[in-house]
Protein backbone atom coordinates (compact mmCIF):
# COMPACT_ATOMS: atom_id res chain seq x y z
CA MET A 1 0.00 0.00 0.00
CA LYS A 2 2.92 2.32 0.81
CA TYR A 3 4.44 1.68 -2.60
CA ILE A 4 1.22 2.52 -4.46
CA LEU A 5 0.89 5.74 -2.48
CA LEU A 6 4.54 6.61 -3.18
CA ILE A 7 4.16 5.96 -6.93
CA THR A 8 0.95 8.04 -7.06
CA LEU A 9 2.63 10.96 -5.27
CA LEU A 10 5.63 10.78 -7.60
CA LEU A 11 3.34 10.84 -10.65
CA ILE A 12 1.47 13.83 -9.28
CA ALA A 13 4.73 15.65 -8.50
CA ALA A 14 6.11 14.91 -11.98
CA THR A 15 2.90 16.15 -13.61
CA VAL A 16 2.94 19.37 -11.57
CA PHE A 17 6.61 19.92 -12.45
CA PHE A 18 6.06 19.49 -16.20
CA VAL A 19 2.99 21.71 -16.19
CA THR A 20 4.53 24.54 -14.17
CA ARG A 21 8.19 24.41 -15.23
CA PRO A 22 9.66 27.60 -16.68
CA GLN A 23 9.76 27.74 -20.45
CA PRO A 24 13.02 28.51 -22.24
CA GLU A 25 13.34 31.97 -23.71
CA PHE A 26 13.27 32.02 -27.48
CA GLU A 27 15.25 34.68 -29.27
CA MET A 28 14.21 36.20 -32.52
CA VAL A 29 16.73 35.54 -35.20
CA ASN A 30 17.47 38.38 -37.57
CA ILE A 31 15.75 37.81 -40.85
CA SER A 32 17.62 39.00 -43.87
CA LYS A 33 16.12 39.88 -47.19
CA VAL A 34 17.18 37.84 -50.16
CA THR A 35 17.78 39.98 -53.16
CA GLY A 36 17.17 38.45 -56.50
CA SER A 37 15.11 38.88 -59.59
CA ALA A 38 11.78 37.32 -60.16
CA GLU A 39 13.13 35.56 -63.22
CA GLU A 40 15.43 33.46 -61.05
CA ALA A 41 12.56 32.17 -58.94
CA GLU A 42 11.20 28.75 -59.81
CA GLU A 43 8.00 28.60 -61.76
CA ILE A 44 5.15 26.65 -60.25
CA VAL A 45 4.49 23.51 -62.22
CA ILE A 46 0.80 22.72 -62.53
CA ASP A 47 -0.01 19.07 -62.94
CA PRO A 48 -2.63 18.49 -65.68
CA GLU A 49 -4.20 15.74 -63.57
CA THR A 50 -4.73 18.18 -60.70
CA VAL A 51 -6.33 20.69 -63.07
CA ARG A 52 -8.66 18.02 -64.44
CA ILE A 53 -9.69 16.94 -60.94
CA ALA A 54 -10.30 20.55 -59.88
CA GLU A 55 -12.45 21.21 -62.96
CA ARG A 56 -14.42 18.00 -62.38
CA ARG A 57 -15.02 18.97 -58.75
CA ALA A 58 -16.17 22.45 -59.77
CA VAL A 59 -18.66 20.99 -62.26
CA MET A 60 -19.89 18.51 -59.63
CA GLU A 61 -20.36 21.32 -57.09
CA ALA A 62 -22.37 23.39 -59.59
CA GLU A 63 -24.59 20.41 -60.41
CA PHE A 64 -25.01 19.58 -56.73
CA GLU A 65 -26.16 23.16 -56.03
CA LYS A 66 -28.87 22.66 -58.67
CA LEU A 67 -29.83 19.42 -56.92
CA LYS A 68 -30.07 21.17 -53.54
CA VAL A 69 -32.38 23.82 -55.02
CA ALA A 70 -34.52 21.13 -56.67
CA ARG A 71 -34.77 19.25 -53.37
CA ARG A 72 -35.92 22.40 -51.56
CA ASN A 73 -38.51 23.02 -54.29
CA LEU A 74 -39.72 19.41 -54.06
CA GLU A 75 -40.06 19.61 -50.29
CA SER A 76 -42.03 22.84 -50.59
CA ARG A 77 -44.29 21.39 -53.29
CA LEU A 78 -44.93 18.21 -51.27
CA ASN A 79 -45.97 20.23 -48.24
CA ARG A 80 -48.21 22.51 -50.32
CA LEU A 81 -49.81 19.58 -52.12
CA LYS A 82 -50.43 17.79 -48.84
CA ALA A 83 -52.32 20.85 -47.61
CA ILE A 84 -54.23 21.27 -50.90
CA MET A 85 -55.23 17.60 -51.13
CA TRP A 86 -56.48 17.40 -47.53
CA GLY A 87 -60.12 16.32 -47.66
CA THR A 88 -60.25 16.27 -51.48
CA GLU A 89 -62.16 13.46 -53.18
CA VAL A 90 -60.34 11.83 -56.13
CA SER A 91 -60.76 8.55 -57.97
CA ARG A 92 -59.03 5.50 -56.53
CA GLU A 93 -56.57 5.10 -59.43
CA GLU A 94 -55.63 8.76 -59.44
CA GLY A 95 -55.29 8.75 -55.66
CA GLU A 96 -52.98 5.75 -55.75
CA ALA A 97 -50.83 7.39 -58.45
CA ILE A 98 -50.60 10.64 -56.49
CA ASN A 99 -49.87 8.73 -53.29
CA GLU A 100 -47.10 6.74 -54.99
CA GLN A 101 -45.40 9.87 -56.35
CA MET A 102 -45.67 11.64 -53.01
CA LYS A 103 -44.14 8.61 -51.25
CA ASN A 104 -41.30 8.59 -53.79
CA GLY A 105 -40.73 12.30 -53.23
CA PHE A 106 -40.64 11.94 -49.46
CA ALA A 107 -38.27 8.95 -49.83
CA LEU A 108 -35.89 11.02 -51.97
CA LEU A 109 -35.91 13.76 -49.35
CA LYS A 110 -35.58 11.40 -46.40
CA HIS A 111 -32.48 9.64 -47.74
CA GLN A 112 -30.58 12.54 -49.28
CA LYS A 113 -27.09 11.77 -50.46
CA LEU A 114 -24.38 14.31 -49.82
CA MET A 115 -21.96 15.39 -52.51
CA GLY A 116 -19.28 12.90 -51.47
CA ALA A 117 -21.62 9.99 -52.19
CA TYR A 118 -21.56 10.75 -55.91
CA THR A 119 -18.64 9.69 -58.07
CA GLY A 120 -19.45 11.84 -61.07
CA VAL A 121 -21.65 14.47 -62.62
CA GLU A 122 -23.77 11.78 -64.28
CA GLN A 123 -24.98 10.41 -60.94
CA ILE A 124 -25.86 13.89 -59.70
CA SER A 125 -27.69 14.57 -62.97
CA ASP A 126 -29.66 11.32 -62.62
CA GLU A 127 -30.72 12.24 -59.09
CA LEU A 128 -31.64 15.74 -60.29
CA ALA A 129 -33.75 14.24 -63.09
CA ARG A 130 -35.63 12.04 -60.57
CA VAL A 131 -36.33 15.00 -58.30
CA GLU A 132 -37.44 17.22 -61.19
CA PHE A 133 -39.69 14.49 -62.63
CA ILE A 134 -41.55 14.07 -59.33
CA ASN A 135 -41.68 17.84 -58.86
CA ASN A 136 -43.17 18.39 -62.35
CA TYR A 137 -45.73 15.61 -61.84
CA LEU A 138 -46.81 17.08 -58.51
CA ARG A 139 -46.95 20.59 -60.02
CA GLU A 140 -49.43 19.35 -62.64
CA ILE A 141 -51.58 17.76 -59.93
CA GLU A 142 -51.43 20.95 -57.87
CA GLU A 143 -52.51 23.04 -60.87
CA ARG A 144 -55.41 20.65 -61.58
CA GLN A 145 -56.60 20.80 -57.98
CA ARG A 146 -56.39 24.59 -57.89
CA ALA A 147 -58.36 24.79 -61.16
CA GLN A 148 -61.03 22.46 -59.74
CA ARG A 149 -61.31 24.59 -56.60
CA LEU A 150 -61.71 27.73 -58.69
CA GLN A 151 -64.51 26.12 -60.70
CA GLN A 152 -66.43 25.27 -57.53
């Protein structure tokens, strides 16, 4: 028991010493200016592969921004359509079709992929096409329902 107490006290003392010990003084070294012409300096070599990757990433980011806007529009349209359709009587087939598209829209919004999940612009474009297709379908339904309400 004495040895454990002694080891614990030594560890505490060593910790206190290392935390509170004085730090060495650092001196500023004189910095001299190098004189030379700009022509002598090395030119930066740009790797074509790096340029290609940067361009690809920029295109992917632009396409992903379009996808984010389309997702926000789809979410807004789904919420509006849910409010418009509340208590509305439609045929069974039409109701099932609307319900299916709304479920697909909510599924796309629930499981959103981030930009890192896509390997290329084509995948982002495919996802954008799915979102826009559902959004356009729901916009047509919304316009029909609004027209029916105006007629009544």
